[in-house]
Amino acid sequence: LRATQFHEFAEQTLDRVPGPFAVVPRMRTQPIAAR
C-alpha cells in the first residue's frame, strides 16, 4: 500500500530546524490522516 504524506509531515518539517526561520521545501502533496 503506497500512501501519501501524513498530516503530521508538516510538523516534522517545521521541527527539523528550530529557530526564527522555517526552511520548507516546495512540494505538492495530498496528505492523509495516519489513522
Full PDB file with SEQRES, HELIX, SHEET, SSBOND, CRYST1, ORIGX, SCALE, CONECT and MASTER records, all heavy atoms in Angstrom:
SEQRES   1 A   35  LEU ARG ALA THR GLN PHE HIS GLU PHE ALA GLU GLN THR          
SEQRES   2 A   35  LEU ASP ARG VAL PRO GLY PRO PHE ALA VAL VAL PRO ARG          
SEQRES   3 A   35  MET ARG THR GLN PRO ILE ALA ALA ARG                          
HELIX    1 AA1 PHE A    9  ASP A   15  1                                   7    
CRYST1    1.000    1.000    1.000  90.00  90.00  90.00 P 1           1          
ORIGX1      1.000000  0.000000  0.000000        0.00000                         
ORIGX2      0.000000  1.000000  0.000000        0.00000                         
ORIGX3      0.000000  0.000000  1.000000        0.00000                         
SCALE1      1.000000  0.000000  0.000000        0.00000                         
SCALE2      0.000000  1.000000  0.000000        0.00000                         
SCALE3      0.000000  0.000000  1.000000        0.00000                         
ATOM      1  N   LEU A   1       0.854  -1.191   0.000  1.00  0.00           N  
ATOM      2  CA  LEU A   1       0.000   0.000   0.000  1.00  0.00           C  
ATOM      3  C   LEU A   1       0.887   1.236   0.000  1.00  0.00           C  
ATOM      4  O   LEU A   1       1.601   1.489   0.965  1.00  0.00           O  
ATOM      5  CB  LEU A   1      -0.904   0.017   1.232  1.00  0.00           C  
ATOM      6  CG  LEU A   1      -1.746   1.295   1.404  1.00  0.00           C  
ATOM      7  CD1 LEU A   1      -2.770   1.428   0.280  1.00  0.00           C  
ATOM      8  CD2 LEU A   1      -2.426   1.315   2.775  1.00  0.00           C  
ATOM      9  N   ARG A   2       0.823   2.012  -1.072  1.00  0.00           N  
ATOM     10  CA  ARG A   2       1.529   3.289  -1.107  1.00  0.00           C  
ATOM     11  C   ARG A   2       0.578   4.380  -0.627  1.00  0.00           C  
ATOM     12  O   ARG A   2      -0.523   4.529  -1.169  1.00  0.00           O  
ATOM     13  CB  ARG A   2       2.013   3.613  -2.518  1.00  0.00           C  
ATOM     14  CG  ARG A   2       3.181   2.759  -2.989  1.00  0.00           C  
ATOM     15  CD  ARG A   2       3.633   3.187  -4.372  1.00  0.00           C  
ATOM     16  NE  ARG A   2       4.833   2.468  -4.802  1.00  0.00           N  
ATOM     17  CZ  ARG A   2       5.452   2.670  -5.956  1.00  0.00           C  
ATOM     18  NH1 ARG A   2       4.977   3.593  -6.800  1.00  0.00           N  
ATOM     19  NH2 ARG A   2       6.531   1.983  -6.278  1.00  0.00           N  
ATOM     20  N   ALA A   3       1.012   5.147   0.364  1.00  0.00           N  
ATOM     21  CA  ALA A   3       0.207   6.251   0.888  1.00  0.00           C  
ATOM     22  C   ALA A   3       0.970   7.556   0.728  1.00  0.00           C  
ATOM     23  O   ALA A   3       2.203   7.570   0.652  1.00  0.00           O  
ATOM     24  CB  ALA A   3      -0.128   6.021   2.359  1.00  0.00           C  
ATOM     25  N   THR A   4       0.241   8.649   0.664  1.00  0.00           N  
ATOM     26  CA  THR A   4       0.857   9.967   0.600  1.00  0.00           C  
ATOM     27  C   THR A   4       1.369  10.369   1.985  1.00  0.00           C  
ATOM     28  O   THR A   4       1.212   9.639   2.963  1.00  0.00           O  
ATOM     29  CB  THR A   4      -0.159  11.007   0.092  1.00  0.00           C  
ATOM     30  OG1 THR A   4      -1.344  10.923   0.892  1.00  0.00           O  
ATOM     31  CG2 THR A   4      -0.500  10.766  -1.366  1.00  0.00           C  
ATOM     32  N   GLN A   5       1.994  11.538   2.059  1.00  0.00           N  
ATOM     33  CA  GLN A   5       2.497  12.032   3.336  1.00  0.00           C  
ATOM     34  C   GLN A   5       1.354  12.170   4.339  1.00  0.00           C  
ATOM     35  O   GLN A   5       0.216  12.460   3.976  1.00  0.00           O  
ATOM     36  CB  GLN A   5       3.168  13.396   3.152  1.00  0.00           C  
ATOM     37  CG  GLN A   5       4.347  13.386   2.202  1.00  0.00           C  
ATOM     38  CD  GLN A   5       5.557  12.655   2.740  1.00  0.00           C  
ATOM     39  OE1 GLN A   5       5.630  12.341   3.926  1.00  0.00           O  
ATOM     40  NE2 GLN A   5       6.511  12.362   1.885  1.00  0.00           N  
ATOM     41  N   PHE A   6       1.689  11.959   5.608  1.00  0.00           N  
ATOM     42  CA  PHE A   6       0.700  12.133   6.670  1.00  0.00           C  
ATOM     43  C   PHE A   6       0.530  13.623   6.986  1.00  0.00           C  
ATOM     44  O   PHE A   6       1.407  14.441   6.703  1.00  0.00           O  
ATOM     45  CB  PHE A   6       1.137  11.414   7.948  1.00  0.00           C  
ATOM     46  CG  PHE A   6       1.490   9.967   7.727  1.00  0.00           C  
ATOM     47  CD1 PHE A   6       2.562   9.408   8.406  1.00  0.00           C  
ATOM     48  CD2 PHE A   6       0.763   9.172   6.865  1.00  0.00           C  
ATOM     49  CE1 PHE A   6       2.898   8.083   8.218  1.00  0.00           C  
ATOM     50  CE2 PHE A   6       1.091   7.844   6.665  1.00  0.00           C  
ATOM     51  CZ  PHE A   6       2.163   7.297   7.344  1.00  0.00           C  
ATOM     52  N   HIS A   7      -0.580  13.969   7.622  1.00  0.00           N  
ATOM     53  CA  HIS A   7      -0.773  15.346   8.079  1.00  0.00           C  
ATOM     54  C   HIS A   7       0.365  15.764   9.016  1.00  0.00           C  
ATOM     55  O   HIS A   7       0.753  16.934   9.045  1.00  0.00           O  
ATOM     56  CB  HIS A   7      -2.108  15.470   8.810  1.00  0.00           C  
ATOM     57  CG  HIS A   7      -3.306  15.306   7.915  1.00  0.00           C  
ATOM     58  ND1 HIS A   7      -3.374  15.834   6.645  1.00  0.00           N  
ATOM     59  CD2 HIS A   7      -4.492  14.673   8.122  1.00  0.00           C  
ATOM     60  CE1 HIS A   7      -4.538  15.535   6.108  1.00  0.00           C  
ATOM     61  NE2 HIS A   7      -5.236  14.830   6.969  1.00  0.00           N  
ATOM     62  N   GLU A   8       0.904  14.818   9.770  1.00  0.00           N  
ATOM     63  CA  GLU A   8       1.992  15.119  10.709  1.00  0.00           C  
ATOM     64  C   GLU A   8       3.276  15.550  10.020  1.00  0.00           C  
ATOM     65  O   GLU A   8       4.202  16.064  10.678  1.00  0.00           O  
ATOM     66  CB  GLU A   8       2.274  13.887  11.581  1.00  0.00           C  
ATOM     67  CG  GLU A   8       1.212  13.580  12.613  1.00  0.00           C  
ATOM     68  CD  GLU A   8       0.075  12.727  12.077  1.00  0.00           C  
ATOM     69  OE1 GLU A   8       0.001  12.483  10.846  1.00  0.00           O  
ATOM     70  OE2 GLU A   8      -0.761  12.298  12.890  1.00  0.00           O  
ATOM     71  N   PHE A   9       3.377  15.347   8.700  1.00  0.00           N  
ATOM     72  CA  PHE A   9       4.612  15.686   7.984  1.00  0.00           C  
ATOM     73  C   PHE A   9       4.918  17.176   8.056  1.00  0.00           C  
ATOM     74  O   PHE A   9       6.087  17.584   8.086  1.00  0.00           O  
ATOM     75  CB  PHE A   9       4.493  15.236   6.529  1.00  0.00           C  
ATOM     76  CG  PHE A   9       5.756  15.417   5.733  1.00  0.00           C  
ATOM     77  CD1 PHE A   9       6.908  14.742   6.073  1.00  0.00           C  
ATOM     78  CD2 PHE A   9       5.787  16.274   4.638  1.00  0.00           C  
ATOM     79  CE1 PHE A   9       8.076  14.901   5.340  1.00  0.00           C  
ATOM     80  CE2 PHE A   9       6.938  16.445   3.895  1.00  0.00           C  
ATOM     81  CZ  PHE A   9       8.083  15.756   4.245  1.00  0.00           C  
ATOM     82  N   ALA A  10       3.899  18.017   8.089  1.00  0.00           N  
ATOM     83  CA  ALA A  10       4.129  19.457   8.196  1.00  0.00           C  
ATOM     84  C   ALA A  10       4.836  19.787   9.508  1.00  0.00           C  
ATOM     85  O   ALA A  10       5.756  20.620   9.543  1.00  0.00           O  
ATOM     86  CB  ALA A  10       2.805  20.215   8.108  1.00  0.00           C  
ATOM     87  N   GLU A  11       4.433  19.135  10.576  1.00  0.00           N  
ATOM     88  CA  GLU A  11       5.068  19.377  11.869  1.00  0.00           C  
ATOM     89  C   GLU A  11       6.497  18.857  11.887  1.00  0.00           C  
ATOM     90  O   GLU A  11       7.400  19.493  12.431  1.00  0.00           O  
ATOM     91  CB  GLU A  11       4.247  18.716  12.982  1.00  0.00           C  
ATOM     92  CG  GLU A  11       4.800  19.000  14.371  1.00  0.00           C  
ATOM     93  CD  GLU A  11       3.842  18.561  15.451  1.00  0.00           C  
ATOM     94  OE1 GLU A  11       3.447  17.385  15.454  1.00  0.00           O  
ATOM     95  OE2 GLU A  11       3.486  19.400  16.283  1.00  0.00           O  
ATOM     96  N   GLN A  12       6.706  17.700  11.288  1.00  0.00           N  
ATOM     97  CA  GLN A  12       8.054  17.146  11.205  1.00  0.00           C  
ATOM     98  C   GLN A  12       8.977  18.112  10.471  1.00  0.00           C  
ATOM     99  O   GLN A  12      10.105  18.380  10.913  1.00  0.00           O  
ATOM    100  CB  GLN A  12       8.028  15.802  10.487  1.00  0.00           C  
ATOM    101  CG  GLN A  12       9.418  15.218  10.292  1.00  0.00           C  
ATOM    102  CD  GLN A  12       9.445  14.197   9.184  1.00  0.00           C  
ATOM    103  OE1 GLN A  12       8.456  14.015   8.462  1.00  0.00           O  
ATOM    104  NE2 GLN A  12      10.560  13.528   9.044  1.00  0.00           N  
ATOM    105  N   THR A  13       8.513  18.635   9.344  1.00  0.00           N  
ATOM    106  CA  THR A  13       9.302  19.575   8.557  1.00  0.00           C  
ATOM    107  C   THR A  13       9.613  20.835   9.363  1.00  0.00           C  
ATOM    108  O   THR A  13      10.749  21.322   9.364  1.00  0.00           O  
ATOM    109  CB  THR A  13       8.536  19.956   7.272  1.00  0.00           C  
ATOM    110  OG1 THR A  13       8.267  18.777   6.518  1.00  0.00           O  
ATOM    111  CG2 THR A  13       9.340  20.922   6.427  1.00  0.00           C  
ATOM    112  N   LEU A  14       8.634  21.336  10.078  1.00  0.00           N  
ATOM    113  CA  LEU A  14       8.808  22.562  10.856  1.00  0.00           C  
ATOM    114  C   LEU A  14       9.791  22.370  12.003  1.00  0.00           C  
ATOM    115  O   LEU A  14      10.582  23.264  12.310  1.00  0.00           O  
ATOM    116  CB  LEU A  14       7.452  23.009  11.408  1.00  0.00           C  
ATOM    117  CG  LEU A  14       7.405  24.310  12.205  1.00  0.00           C  
ATOM    118  CD1 LEU A  14       7.870  25.484  11.358  1.00  0.00           C  
ATOM    119  CD2 LEU A  14       5.993  24.542  12.733  1.00  0.00           C  
ATOM    120  N   ASP A  15       9.771  21.205  12.621  1.00  0.00           N  
ATOM    121  CA  ASP A  15      10.565  20.980  13.821  1.00  0.00           C  
ATOM    122  C   ASP A  15      11.968  20.461  13.545  1.00  0.00           C  
ATOM    123  O   ASP A  15      12.749  20.263  14.474  1.00  0.00           O  
ATOM    124  CB  ASP A  15       9.840  20.000  14.748  1.00  0.00           C  
ATOM    125  CG  ASP A  15       8.579  20.615  15.350  1.00  0.00           C  
ATOM    126  OD1 ASP A  15       8.454  21.857  15.315  1.00  0.00           O  
ATOM    127  OD2 ASP A  15       7.721  19.854  15.838  1.00  0.00           O  
ATOM    128  N   ARG A  16      12.296  20.233  12.273  1.00  0.00           N  
ATOM    129  CA  ARG A  16      13.633  19.731  11.958  1.00  0.00           C  
ATOM    130  C   ARG A  16      14.718  20.723  12.374  1.00  0.00           C  
ATOM    131  O   ARG A  16      15.766  20.333  12.888  1.00  0.00           O  
ATOM    132  CB  ARG A  16      13.758  19.467  10.453  1.00  0.00           C  
ATOM    133  CG  ARG A  16      13.208  18.126  10.005  1.00  0.00           C  
ATOM    134  CD  ARG A  16      13.293  18.000   8.502  1.00  0.00           C  
ATOM    135  NE  ARG A  16      12.824  16.713   8.038  1.00  0.00           N  
ATOM    136  CZ  ARG A  16      12.542  16.433   6.775  1.00  0.00           C  
ATOM    137  NH1 ARG A  16      12.691  17.376   5.847  1.00  0.00           N  
ATOM    138  NH2 ARG A  16      12.116  15.242   6.421  1.00  0.00           N  
ATOM    139  N   VAL A  17      14.460  22.014  12.120  1.00  0.00           N  
ATOM    140  CA  VAL A  17      15.445  23.046  12.436  1.00  0.00           C  
ATOM    141  C   VAL A  17      14.770  24.119  13.277  1.00  0.00           C  
ATOM    142  O   VAL A  17      13.968  24.906  12.764  1.00  0.00           O  
ATOM    143  CB  VAL A  17      16.033  23.674  11.156  1.00  0.00           C  
ATOM    144  CG1 VAL A  17      17.071  24.730  11.520  1.00  0.00           C  
ATOM    145  CG2 VAL A  17      16.638  22.605  10.263  1.00  0.00           C  
ATOM    146  N   PRO A  18      15.051  24.178  14.579  1.00  0.00           N  
ATOM    147  CA  PRO A  18      14.437  25.212  15.418  1.00  0.00           C  
ATOM    148  C   PRO A  18      15.047  26.577  15.129  1.00  0.00           C  
ATOM    149  O   PRO A  18      16.104  26.693  14.506  1.00  0.00           O  
ATOM    150  CB  PRO A  18      14.779  24.742  16.833  1.00  0.00           C  
ATOM    151  CG  PRO A  18      16.035  23.942  16.674  1.00  0.00           C  
ATOM    152  CD  PRO A  18      15.937  23.277  15.341  1.00  0.00           C  
ATOM    153  N   GLY A  19      14.374  27.609  15.578  1.00  0.00           N  
ATOM    154  CA  GLY A  19      14.895  28.958  15.379  1.00  0.00           C  
ATOM    155  C   GLY A  19      13.874  29.847  14.713  1.00  0.00           C  
ATOM    156  O   GLY A  19      12.723  29.459  14.479  1.00  0.00           O  
ATOM    157  N   PRO A  20      14.282  31.060  14.358  1.00  0.00           N  
ATOM    158  CA  PRO A  20      13.322  32.041  13.809  1.00  0.00           C  
ATOM    159  C   PRO A  20      12.916  31.759  12.370  1.00  0.00           C  
ATOM    160  O   PRO A  20      11.920  32.293  11.898  1.00  0.00           O  
ATOM    161  CB  PRO A  20      14.092  33.359  13.898  1.00  0.00           C  
ATOM    162  CG  PRO A  20      15.536  32.954  13.838  1.00  0.00           C  
ATOM    163  CD  PRO A  20      15.623  31.641  14.558  1.00  0.00           C  
ATOM    164  N   PHE A  21      13.687  30.923  11.664  1.00  0.00           N  
ATOM    165  CA  PHE A  21      13.383  30.634  10.261  1.00  0.00           C  
ATOM    166  C   PHE A  21      12.914  29.198  10.115  1.00  0.00           C  
ATOM    167  O   PHE A  21      13.449  28.285  10.752  1.00  0.00           O  
ATOM    168  CB  PHE A  21      14.607  30.868   9.373  1.00  0.00           C  
ATOM    169  CG  PHE A  21      15.141  32.273   9.429  1.00  0.00           C  
ATOM    170  CD1 PHE A  21      16.277  32.571  10.181  1.00  0.00           C  
ATOM    171  CD2 PHE A  21      14.502  33.294   8.753  1.00  0.00           C  
ATOM    172  CE1 PHE A  21      16.769  33.855  10.244  1.00  0.00           C  
ATOM    173  CE2 PHE A  21      14.987  34.590   8.803  1.00  0.00           C  
ATOM    174  CZ  PHE A  21      16.122  34.873   9.554  1.00  0.00           C  
ATOM    175  N   ALA A  22      11.931  28.995   9.257  1.00  0.00           N  
ATOM    176  CA  ALA A  22      11.443  27.658   8.932  1.00  0.00           C  
ATOM    177  C   ALA A  22      11.688  27.422   7.450  1.00  0.00           C  
ATOM    178  O   ALA A  22      10.995  27.981   6.600  1.00  0.00           O  
ATOM    179  CB  ALA A  22       9.961  27.532   9.254  1.00  0.00           C  
ATOM    180  N   VAL A  23      12.700  26.620   7.154  1.00  0.00           N  
ATOM    181  CA  VAL A  23      13.043  26.313   5.765  1.00  0.00           C  
ATOM    182  C   VAL A  23      12.188  25.129   5.316  1.00  0.00           C  
ATOM    183  O   VAL A  23      12.283  24.035   5.875  1.00  0.00           O  
ATOM    184  CB  VAL A  23      14.538  25.986   5.622  1.00  0.00           C  
ATOM    185  CG1 VAL A  23      14.866  25.647   4.164  1.00  0.00           C  
ATOM    186  CG2 VAL A  23      15.384  27.158   6.109  1.00  0.00           C  
ATOM    187  N   VAL A  24      11.350  25.370   4.311  1.00  0.00           N  
ATOM    188  CA  VAL A  24      10.359  24.365   3.901  1.00  0.00           C  
ATOM    189  C   VAL A  24      10.490  24.102   2.403  1.00  0.00           C  
ATOM    190  O   VAL A  24      10.452  25.036   1.601  1.00  0.00           O  
ATOM    191  CB  VAL A  24       8.926  24.854   4.208  1.00  0.00           C  
ATOM    192  CG1 VAL A  24       7.904  23.789   3.814  1.00  0.00           C  
ATOM    193  CG2 VAL A  24       8.795  25.212   5.682  1.00  0.00           C  
ATOM    194  N   PRO A  25      10.660  22.838   2.013  1.00  0.00           N  
ATOM    195  CA  PRO A  25      10.737  22.551   0.579  1.00  0.00           C  
ATOM    196  C   PRO A  25       9.402  22.787  -0.118  1.00  0.00           C  
ATOM    197  O   PRO A  25       8.335  22.529   0.460  1.00  0.00           O  
ATOM    198  CB  PRO A  25      11.120  21.065   0.536  1.00  0.00           C  
ATOM    199  CG  PRO A  25      10.668  20.509   1.842  1.00  0.00           C  
ATOM    200  CD  PRO A  25      10.813  21.619   2.837  1.00  0.00           C  
ATOM    201  N   ARG A  26       9.475  23.294  -1.325  1.00  0.00           N  
ATOM    202  CA  ARG A  26       8.257  23.434  -2.128  1.00  0.00           C  
ATOM    203  C   ARG A  26       7.822  22.040  -2.581  1.00  0.00           C  
ATOM    204  O   ARG A  26       8.589  21.320  -3.213  1.00  0.00           O  
ATOM    205  CB  ARG A  26       8.517  24.328  -3.340  1.00  0.00           C  
ATOM    206  CG  ARG A  26       8.810  25.780  -2.964  1.00  0.00           C  
ATOM    207  CD  ARG A  26       8.815  26.673  -4.197  1.00  0.00           C  
ATOM    208  NE  ARG A  26       9.104  28.058  -3.864  1.00  0.00           N  
ATOM    209  CZ  ARG A  26       8.200  28.943  -3.448  1.00  0.00           C  
ATOM    210  NH1 ARG A  26       6.931  28.563  -3.315  1.00  0.00           N  
ATOM    211  NH2 ARG A  26       8.546  30.181  -3.177  1.00  0.00           N  
ATOM    212  N   MET A  27       6.590  21.682  -2.245  1.00  0.00           N  
ATOM    213  CA  MET A  27       6.140  20.331  -2.540  1.00  0.00           C  
ATOM    214  C   MET A  27       4.626  20.282  -2.585  1.00  0.00           C  
ATOM    215  O   MET A  27       3.952  20.848  -1.725  1.00  0.00           O  
ATOM    216  CB  MET A  27       6.638  19.360  -1.453  1.00  0.00           C  
ATOM    217  CG  MET A  27       6.321  17.912  -1.722  1.00  0.00           C  
ATOM    218  SD  MET A  27       6.952  16.852  -0.398  1.00  0.00           S  
ATOM    219  CE  MET A  27       5.575  16.897   0.742  1.00  0.00           C  
ATOM    220  N   ARG A  28       4.087  19.617  -3.595  1.00  0.00           N  
ATOM    221  CA  ARG A  28       2.661  19.336  -3.649  1.00  0.00           C  
ATOM    222  C   ARG A  28       2.417  17.947  -3.078  1.00  0.00           C  
ATOM    223  O   ARG A  28       3.139  17.000  -3.376  1.00  0.00           O  
ATOM    224  CB  ARG A  28       2.142  19.389  -5.090  1.00  0.00           C  
ATOM    225  CG  ARG A  28       2.164  20.752  -5.721  1.00  0.00           C  
ATOM    226  CD  ARG A  28       1.661  20.679  -7.155  1.00  0.00           C  
ATOM    227  NE  ARG A  28       0.199  20.565  -7.203  1.00  0.00           N  
ATOM    228  CZ  ARG A  28      -0.467  19.886  -8.120  1.00  0.00           C  
ATOM    229  NH1 ARG A  28       0.187  19.190  -9.046  1.00  0.00           N  
ATOM    230  NH2 ARG A  28      -1.781  19.866  -8.126  1.00  0.00           N  
ATOM    231  N   THR A  29       1.406  17.840  -2.261  1.00  0.00           N  
ATOM    232  CA  THR A  29       1.078  16.552  -1.658  1.00  0.00           C  
ATOM    233  C   THR A  29      -0.429  16.485  -1.447  1.00  0.00           C  
ATOM    234  O   THR A  29      -1.121  17.498  -1.551  1.00  0.00           O  
ATOM    235  CB  THR A  29       1.831  16.347  -0.334  1.00  0.00           C  
ATOM    236  OG1 THR A  29       1.545  15.037   0.190  1.00  0.00           O  
ATOM    237  CG2 THR A  29       1.438  17.397   0.698  1.00  0.00           C  
ATOM    238  N   GLN A  30      -0.904  15.304  -1.169  1.00  0.00           N  
ATOM    239  CA  GLN A  30      -2.320  15.103  -0.892  1.00  0.00           C  
ATOM    240  C   GLN A  30      -2.415  14.388   0.455  1.00  0.00           C  
ATOM    241  O   GLN A  30      -2.704  13.205   0.518  1.00  0.00           O  
ATOM    242  CB  GLN A  30      -2.982  14.288  -2.016  1.00  0.00           C  
ATOM    243  CG  GLN A  30      -4.503  14.345  -2.013  1.00  0.00           C  
ATOM    244  CD  GLN A  30      -5.092  13.831  -3.312  1.00  0.00           C  
ATOM    245  OE1 GLN A  30      -4.482  13.969  -4.375  1.00  0.00           O  
ATOM    246  NE2 GLN A  30      -6.272  13.232  -3.249  1.00  0.00           N  
ATOM    247  N   PRO A  31      -2.148  15.101   1.553  1.00  0.00           N  
ATOM    248  CA  PRO A  31      -1.899  14.471   2.853  1.00  0.00           C  
ATOM    249  C   PRO A  31      -3.111  13.737   3.407  1.00  0.00           C  
ATOM    250  O   PRO A  31      -4.260  14.085   3.137  1.00  0.00           O  
ATOM    251  CB  PRO A  31      -1.516  15.657   3.737  1.00  0.00           C  
ATOM    252  CG  PRO A  31      -2.217  16.828   3.116  1.00  0.00           C  
ATOM    253  CD  PRO A  31      -2.148  16.568   1.633  1.00  0.00           C  
ATOM    254  N   ILE A  32      -2.799  12.739   4.229  1.00  0.00           N  
ATOM    255  CA  ILE A  32      -3.832  11.873   4.784  1.00  0.00           C  
ATOM    256  C   ILE A  32      -3.594  11.679   6.276  1.00  0.00           C  
ATOM    257  O   ILE A  32      -2.458  11.747   6.756  1.00  0.00           O  
ATOM    258  CB  ILE A  32      -3.843  10.516   4.048  1.00  0.00           C  
ATOM    259  CG1 ILE A  32      -5.017   9.650   4.522  1.00  0.00           C  
ATOM    260  CG2 ILE A  32      -2.505   9.790   4.205  1.00  0.00           C  
ATOM    261  CD1 ILE A  32      -5.297   8.461   3.649  1.00  0.00           C  
ATOM    262  N   ALA A  33      -4.649  11.426   7.016  1.00  0.00           N  
ATOM    263  CA  ALA A  33      -4.542  11.146   8.445  1.00  0.00           C  
ATOM    264  C   ALA A  33      -3.904   9.779   8.653  1.00  0.00           C  
ATOM    265  O   ALA A  33      -4.272   8.797   8.000  1.00  0.00           O  
ATOM    266  CB  ALA A  33      -5.929  11.179   9.091  1.00  0.00           C  
ATOM    267  N   ALA A  34      -2.950   9.700   9.560  1.00  0.00           N  
ATOM    268  CA  ALA A  34      -2.261   8.438   9.830  1.00  0.00           C  
ATOM    269  C   ALA A  34      -3.233   7.349  10.277  1.00  0.00           C  
ATOM    270  O   ALA A  34      -3.060   6.176   9.941  1.00  0.00           O  
ATOM    271  CB  ALA A  34      -1.181   8.657  10.890  1.00  0.00           C  
ATOM    272  N   ARG A  35      -4.260   7.723  11.027  1.00  0.00           N  
ATOM    273  CA  ARG A  35      -5.228   6.708  11.464  1.00  0.00           C  
ATOM    274  C   ARG A  35      -5.976   6.111  10.276  1.00  0.00           C  
ATOM    275  O   ARG A  35      -6.291   4.918  10.269  1.00  0.00           O  
ATOM    276  CB  ARG A  35      -6.222   7.291  12.469  1.00  0.00           C  
ATOM    277  CG  ARG A  35      -7.231   6.252  12.958  1.00  0.00           C  
ATOM    278  CD  ARG A  35      -8.135   6.771  14.033  1.00  0.00           C  
ATOM    279  NE  ARG A  35      -7.465   6.950  15.315  1.00  0.00           N  
ATOM    280  CZ  ARG A  35      -7.208   5.933  16.152  1.00  0.00           C  
ATOM    281  NH1 ARG A  35      -7.522   4.702  15.829  1.00  0.00           N  
ATOM    282  NH2 ARG A  35      -6.630   6.185  17.306  1.00  0.00           N  
TER     283      ARG A  35                                                      
MASTER        0    0    0    1    0    0    0    6  282    1    0    3          
END                                                                             
